[in-house]
Each structure stands twice: as C-alpha cells, then as structure tokens.
N, C-alpha and C. Protein backbone atom coordinates (compact mmCIF):
# COMPACT_ATOMS: atom_id res chain seq x y z
N MET A 1 -66.73 61.46 275.83
CA MET A 1 -67.41 62.73 275.86
C MET A 1 -68.14 62.83 277.20
N PHE A 2 -68.01 63.98 277.83
CA PHE A 2 -68.62 64.20 279.14
C PHE A 2 -69.77 65.18 279.02
N CYS A 3 -70.77 64.96 279.81
CA CYS A 3 -71.88 65.90 279.91
C CYS A 3 -71.67 66.68 281.21
N VAL A 4 -71.28 67.94 281.08
CA VAL A 4 -70.92 68.75 282.23
C VAL A 4 -71.68 70.07 282.17
N ASN A 5 -72.12 70.53 283.30
CA ASN A 5 -72.82 71.80 283.39
C ASN A 5 -71.85 72.95 283.12
N HIS A 6 -72.31 74.00 282.47
CA HIS A 6 -71.45 75.12 282.12
C HIS A 6 -70.96 75.86 283.36
N LYS A 7 -71.74 75.82 284.45
CA LYS A 7 -71.31 76.49 285.68
C LYS A 7 -70.11 75.77 286.30
N ARG A 8 -70.08 74.46 286.19
CA ARG A 8 -68.95 73.69 286.71
C ARG A 8 -67.69 74.00 285.92
N VAL A 9 -67.85 74.08 284.60
CA VAL A 9 -66.71 74.42 283.74
C VAL A 9 -66.19 75.80 284.11
N TYR A 10 -67.08 76.74 284.32
CA TYR A 10 -66.68 78.10 284.70
C TYR A 10 -65.93 78.09 286.02
N ARG A 11 -66.45 77.34 287.00
CA ARG A 11 -65.80 77.29 288.31
C ARG A 11 -64.42 76.67 288.22
N LEU A 12 -64.28 75.56 287.48
CA LEU A 12 -62.98 74.90 287.33
C LEU A 12 -61.98 75.79 286.59
N MET A 13 -62.44 76.47 285.57
CA MET A 13 -61.54 77.37 284.83
C MET A 13 -61.09 78.51 285.72
N LYS A 14 -61.99 79.00 286.55
CA LYS A 14 -61.66 80.09 287.47
C LYS A 14 -60.62 79.64 288.49
N GLU A 15 -60.79 78.40 289.03
CA GLU A 15 -59.83 77.86 290.00
C GLU A 15 -58.45 77.66 289.39
N LEU A 16 -58.42 77.22 288.13
CA LEU A 16 -57.14 76.94 287.47
C LEU A 16 -56.55 78.17 286.78
N GLY A 17 -57.28 79.25 286.76
CA GLY A 17 -56.78 80.48 286.13
C GLY A 17 -56.79 80.41 284.61
N ILE A 18 -57.68 79.64 284.06
CA ILE A 18 -57.76 79.49 282.61
C ILE A 18 -58.83 80.45 282.10
N ARG A 19 -58.48 81.17 281.05
CA ARG A 19 -59.45 82.08 280.43
C ARG A 19 -59.68 81.67 278.99
N SER A 20 -60.89 81.83 278.54
CA SER A 20 -61.20 81.48 277.15
C SER A 20 -60.78 82.63 276.24
N ARG A 21 -60.48 82.26 275.05
CA ARG A 21 -60.11 83.25 274.05
C ARG A 21 -61.34 83.57 273.22
N ILE A 22 -61.70 84.82 273.15
CA ILE A 22 -62.88 85.22 272.40
C ILE A 22 -62.42 85.87 271.11
N ARG A 23 -62.87 85.30 270.01
CA ARG A 23 -62.49 85.86 268.72
C ARG A 23 -63.25 87.15 268.46
N ARG A 24 -62.55 88.11 267.92
CA ARG A 24 -63.20 89.35 267.54
C ARG A 24 -63.93 89.15 266.23
N LYS A 25 -65.04 89.81 266.07
CA LYS A 25 -65.78 89.72 264.83
C LYS A 25 -65.00 90.42 263.72
N LYS A 26 -65.02 89.81 262.56
CA LYS A 26 -64.36 90.42 261.42
C LYS A 26 -65.22 91.57 260.92
N PRO A 27 -64.59 92.67 260.62
CA PRO A 27 -65.40 93.81 260.14
C PRO A 27 -65.94 93.53 258.74
N TYR A 28 -67.12 94.04 258.50
CA TYR A 28 -67.77 93.90 257.20
C TYR A 28 -67.60 95.21 256.46
N TYR A 29 -66.87 95.17 255.35
CA TYR A 29 -66.60 96.38 254.59
C TYR A 29 -67.48 96.52 253.36
N GLY A 30 -68.42 95.62 253.18
CA GLY A 30 -69.30 95.70 252.02
C GLY A 30 -70.29 96.85 252.16
N SER A 31 -70.87 97.21 251.05
CA SER A 31 -71.81 98.32 251.08
C SER A 31 -73.20 97.80 251.43
N LYS A 32 -73.91 98.57 252.21
CA LYS A 32 -75.29 98.25 252.53
C LYS A 32 -76.16 98.82 251.42
N GLU A 33 -76.90 97.96 250.76
CA GLU A 33 -77.74 98.41 249.65
C GLU A 33 -79.15 98.70 250.13
N ALA A 34 -79.78 99.59 249.46
CA ALA A 34 -81.18 99.86 249.74
C ALA A 34 -82.00 98.68 249.22
N TYR A 35 -83.07 98.38 249.89
CA TYR A 35 -83.93 97.30 249.44
C TYR A 35 -85.33 97.84 249.21
N VAL A 36 -86.06 97.13 248.39
CA VAL A 36 -87.38 97.58 248.00
C VAL A 36 -88.41 96.59 248.56
N VAL A 37 -89.39 97.11 249.27
CA VAL A 37 -90.49 96.29 249.74
C VAL A 37 -91.73 96.75 248.98
N SER A 38 -92.31 95.84 248.23
CA SER A 38 -93.47 96.18 247.40
C SER A 38 -94.75 95.64 248.02
N ASN A 39 -95.84 96.24 247.66
CA ASN A 39 -97.14 95.75 248.08
C ASN A 39 -97.52 94.53 247.26
N ILE A 40 -98.38 93.68 247.81
CA ILE A 40 -98.85 92.51 247.09
C ILE A 40 -99.97 92.97 246.17
N VAL A 41 -99.69 92.98 244.88
CA VAL A 41 -100.65 93.51 243.90
C VAL A 41 -101.48 92.39 243.29
N LEU A 42 -100.88 91.24 243.05
CA LEU A 42 -101.59 90.17 242.35
C LEU A 42 -102.66 89.50 243.19
N ASN A 43 -102.48 89.44 244.51
CA ASN A 43 -103.41 88.74 245.40
C ASN A 43 -103.72 87.33 244.89
N ARG A 44 -102.69 86.64 244.46
CA ARG A 44 -102.73 85.26 243.97
C ARG A 44 -103.64 85.09 242.74
N ASP A 45 -103.86 86.15 242.00
CA ASP A 45 -104.61 86.09 240.74
C ASP A 45 -103.60 86.05 239.60
N PHE A 46 -103.26 84.84 239.17
CA PHE A 46 -102.22 84.66 238.17
C PHE A 46 -102.77 84.50 236.76
N GLN A 47 -104.04 84.70 236.57
CA GLN A 47 -104.65 84.59 235.25
C GLN A 47 -104.62 85.97 234.58
N THR A 48 -104.35 85.97 233.29
CA THR A 48 -104.32 87.22 232.53
C THR A 48 -104.91 86.98 231.14
N ALA A 49 -105.48 88.03 230.57
CA ALA A 49 -106.17 87.89 229.29
C ALA A 49 -105.32 88.29 228.10
N ARG A 50 -104.27 89.06 228.32
CA ARG A 50 -103.45 89.52 227.19
C ARG A 50 -101.97 89.55 227.59
N PRO A 51 -101.08 89.53 226.61
CA PRO A 51 -99.64 89.54 226.91
C PRO A 51 -99.21 90.85 227.56
N ASN A 52 -98.13 90.79 228.30
CA ASN A 52 -97.50 91.94 228.98
C ASN A 52 -98.44 92.64 229.95
N GLU A 53 -99.42 91.94 230.45
CA GLU A 53 -100.31 92.52 231.46
C GLU A 53 -99.76 92.30 232.86
N LYS A 54 -99.25 91.07 233.12
CA LYS A 54 -98.69 90.74 234.43
C LYS A 54 -97.36 90.02 234.25
N TRP A 55 -96.35 90.55 234.90
CA TRP A 55 -95.02 89.94 234.91
C TRP A 55 -94.68 89.54 236.33
N VAL A 56 -93.93 88.46 236.46
CA VAL A 56 -93.37 88.06 237.76
C VAL A 56 -91.88 87.84 237.58
N THR A 57 -91.15 87.99 238.67
CA THR A 57 -89.70 87.84 238.60
C THR A 57 -89.24 86.84 239.64
N ASP A 58 -88.10 86.23 239.38
CA ASP A 58 -87.54 85.24 240.29
C ASP A 58 -86.03 85.29 240.18
N ILE A 59 -85.35 85.04 241.29
CA ILE A 59 -83.89 84.94 241.30
C ILE A 59 -83.52 83.55 241.77
N THR A 60 -82.71 82.87 240.98
CA THR A 60 -82.24 81.53 241.29
C THR A 60 -80.73 81.55 241.37
N TYR A 61 -80.17 80.84 242.35
CA TYR A 61 -78.72 80.77 242.41
C TYR A 61 -78.23 79.47 241.80
N LEU A 62 -77.12 79.57 241.11
CA LEU A 62 -76.52 78.41 240.45
C LEU A 62 -75.17 78.15 241.10
N PRO A 63 -75.04 77.04 241.84
CA PRO A 63 -73.76 76.78 242.52
C PRO A 63 -72.68 76.35 241.54
N LEU A 64 -71.53 76.96 241.69
CA LEU A 64 -70.34 76.57 240.93
C LEU A 64 -69.37 75.91 241.89
N LYS A 65 -68.12 75.72 241.49
CA LYS A 65 -67.17 75.05 242.37
C LYS A 65 -66.99 75.77 243.70
N ARG A 66 -66.69 77.06 243.65
CA ARG A 66 -66.41 77.79 244.90
C ARG A 66 -67.25 79.04 245.06
N SER A 67 -68.20 79.26 244.19
CA SER A 67 -69.01 80.47 244.28
C SER A 67 -70.39 80.20 243.69
N PHE A 68 -71.17 81.25 243.55
CA PHE A 68 -72.50 81.13 243.00
C PHE A 68 -72.67 82.14 241.87
N LEU A 69 -73.52 81.81 240.92
CA LEU A 69 -74.01 82.77 239.94
C LEU A 69 -75.50 82.92 240.20
N TYR A 70 -76.00 84.12 240.01
CA TYR A 70 -77.40 84.41 240.26
C TYR A 70 -78.10 84.72 238.95
N LEU A 71 -79.22 84.04 238.72
CA LEU A 71 -79.99 84.18 237.50
C LEU A 71 -81.31 84.87 237.84
N SER A 72 -81.50 86.05 237.31
CA SER A 72 -82.74 86.80 237.51
C SER A 72 -83.56 86.69 236.23
N THR A 73 -84.81 86.25 236.36
CA THR A 73 -85.66 86.09 235.19
C THR A 73 -86.98 86.82 235.39
N ILE A 74 -87.58 87.22 234.28
CA ILE A 74 -88.91 87.82 234.29
C ILE A 74 -89.80 86.96 233.40
N TYR A 75 -90.95 86.54 233.94
CA TYR A 75 -91.91 85.72 233.22
C TYR A 75 -93.17 86.53 232.93
N ASP A 76 -93.74 86.28 231.76
CA ASP A 76 -95.05 86.84 231.43
C ASP A 76 -96.09 85.79 231.81
N LEU A 77 -97.06 86.15 232.64
CA LEU A 77 -98.05 85.18 233.10
C LEU A 77 -99.06 84.78 232.03
N TYR A 78 -99.10 85.50 230.94
CA TYR A 78 -100.03 85.17 229.86
C TYR A 78 -99.72 83.80 229.26
N ASN A 79 -98.46 83.56 228.94
CA ASN A 79 -98.08 82.29 228.33
C ASN A 79 -96.83 81.66 228.98
N ASN A 80 -96.50 82.12 230.20
CA ASN A 80 -95.33 81.61 230.93
C ASN A 80 -94.04 81.72 230.13
N GLU A 81 -93.94 82.75 229.35
CA GLU A 81 -92.76 82.98 228.52
C GLU A 81 -91.74 83.80 229.31
N VAL A 82 -90.46 83.49 229.11
CA VAL A 82 -89.40 84.27 229.72
C VAL A 82 -89.23 85.54 228.89
N ILE A 83 -89.46 86.68 229.51
CA ILE A 83 -89.35 87.96 228.84
C ILE A 83 -87.89 88.41 228.78
N ALA A 84 -87.20 88.28 229.93
CA ALA A 84 -85.80 88.70 230.00
C ALA A 84 -85.09 87.92 231.09
N TYR A 85 -83.78 87.82 230.97
CA TYR A 85 -82.99 87.20 232.03
C TYR A 85 -81.63 87.87 232.08
N LYS A 86 -80.99 87.77 233.22
CA LYS A 86 -79.68 88.36 233.44
C LYS A 86 -78.94 87.49 234.44
N ILE A 87 -77.65 87.26 234.22
CA ILE A 87 -76.82 86.47 235.11
C ILE A 87 -75.76 87.39 235.71
N SER A 88 -75.53 87.23 237.03
CA SER A 88 -74.56 88.07 237.71
C SER A 88 -73.89 87.28 238.83
N PRO A 89 -72.66 87.62 239.18
CA PRO A 89 -72.01 86.96 240.32
C PRO A 89 -72.52 87.49 241.67
N ARG A 90 -73.31 88.57 241.65
CA ARG A 90 -73.83 89.15 242.89
C ARG A 90 -75.35 89.20 242.87
N ASN A 91 -75.93 88.89 244.01
CA ASN A 91 -77.38 88.97 244.16
C ASN A 91 -77.69 90.31 244.82
N ASN A 92 -77.99 91.30 244.00
CA ASN A 92 -78.25 92.63 244.54
C ASN A 92 -79.37 93.31 243.76
N LEU A 93 -79.70 94.50 244.19
CA LEU A 93 -80.79 95.25 243.56
C LEU A 93 -80.45 95.60 242.12
N GLN A 94 -79.19 95.84 241.83
CA GLN A 94 -78.78 96.19 240.47
C GLN A 94 -79.09 95.07 239.49
N LEU A 95 -78.95 93.83 239.92
CA LEU A 95 -79.26 92.68 239.07
C LEU A 95 -80.74 92.71 238.66
N VAL A 96 -81.62 92.97 239.60
CA VAL A 96 -83.05 93.00 239.30
C VAL A 96 -83.38 94.19 238.41
N MET A 97 -82.81 95.35 238.72
CA MET A 97 -83.09 96.54 237.93
C MET A 97 -82.63 96.36 236.48
N ASP A 98 -81.46 95.75 236.28
CA ASP A 98 -80.97 95.50 234.92
C ASP A 98 -81.90 94.54 234.18
N THR A 99 -82.42 93.54 234.89
CA THR A 99 -83.34 92.59 234.26
C THR A 99 -84.64 93.27 233.86
N VAL A 100 -85.14 94.15 234.73
CA VAL A 100 -86.38 94.87 234.42
C VAL A 100 -86.17 95.80 233.22
N LYS A 101 -85.04 96.49 233.18
CA LYS A 101 -84.75 97.36 232.03
C LYS A 101 -84.68 96.57 230.73
N LYS A 102 -84.03 95.40 230.82
CA LYS A 102 -83.92 94.54 229.64
C LYS A 102 -85.29 94.04 229.20
N GLY A 103 -86.13 93.67 230.16
CA GLY A 103 -87.48 93.21 229.85
C GLY A 103 -88.34 94.32 229.29
N ASP A 104 -88.19 95.52 229.82
CA ASP A 104 -88.97 96.66 229.34
C ASP A 104 -88.60 96.99 227.90
N SER A 105 -87.31 96.97 227.59
CA SER A 105 -86.89 97.27 226.22
C SER A 105 -87.31 96.16 225.26
N SER A 106 -87.28 94.90 225.70
CA SER A 106 -87.67 93.80 224.81
C SER A 106 -89.17 93.81 224.57
N SER A 107 -89.97 94.23 225.58
CA SER A 107 -91.41 94.26 225.37
C SER A 107 -91.80 95.39 224.43
N LYS A 108 -91.06 96.51 224.45
CA LYS A 108 -91.33 97.59 223.51
C LYS A 108 -90.99 97.17 222.09
N ASP A 109 -89.87 96.44 221.95
CA ASP A 109 -89.49 95.94 220.62
C ASP A 109 -90.52 94.95 220.09
N ALA A 110 -91.01 94.07 220.98
CA ALA A 110 -92.01 93.08 220.55
C ALA A 110 -93.32 93.76 220.20
N GLY A 111 -93.70 94.81 220.95
CA GLY A 111 -94.93 95.53 220.68
C GLY A 111 -94.87 96.26 219.36
N ASP A 112 -93.69 96.79 218.99
CA ASP A 112 -93.54 97.48 217.71
C ASP A 112 -93.67 96.50 216.55
N SER A 113 -93.16 95.27 216.75
CA SER A 113 -93.20 94.31 215.65
C SER A 113 -94.59 93.74 215.45
N LEU A 114 -95.45 93.79 216.50
CA LEU A 114 -96.79 93.24 216.37
C LEU A 114 -97.71 94.17 215.60
N THR A 115 -97.46 95.47 215.67
CA THR A 115 -98.37 96.42 215.00
C THR A 115 -97.96 96.66 213.57
C-alpha cells in the first residue's frame, strides 16, 4: 500500500490519459412524508398523580434476516404500563398515528369500564 498525494495521482492520470468513472446517483422514488416537530411539554417531569395524564411514545426497530420491523409503543407514566403498540415494516408517521389512535380507543374503553 502506498501513501500518495491526491495531486500526484491527478497529474499521473492526466499524463496517461486515464479518467475516473463517476457513478451517477440512483434516483429516489419514495415519497417524502411530512414530519411533526413538537414542543417539549414534560420538561423532564415524569411524575404523575393519576392514570392517562401523561403518555410517552417510543419506536424500536427489530432486526430480521434481511429487513427490519418497527415497534411503536405508548407508555403511561403513571404505572409504566404499555397502553398500545403497533408493528410495521415501515418507520413512518402513519405508524405513530395508528398507535396513537389505538391507544386513544383503548383508554376510552378502560375509562368506561372503571366507572
């Protein structure tokens, strides 16, 4: 292995008439999704006095043989209980929105059964 300055390589290639091949970038045909930036509401205050007062969400990826699955979960900070979860092959906004809808419906069901 040789340690050679890039200018020397350029000069030698120019003298020998050698040109480098530059690969073209592959076009990206995927859709650009809107993203949501939220304000920091908790201010690191993770204590709560009653259930369903503060929820937090997290997305974890699960590696498979050749791809990933994404697990979106919602936790209730009152008792660290999992309110809802959803698994998807794509990590996108729709995954989070589906998890929130599922958590919202499950909290309404739980609230009805408590009264």
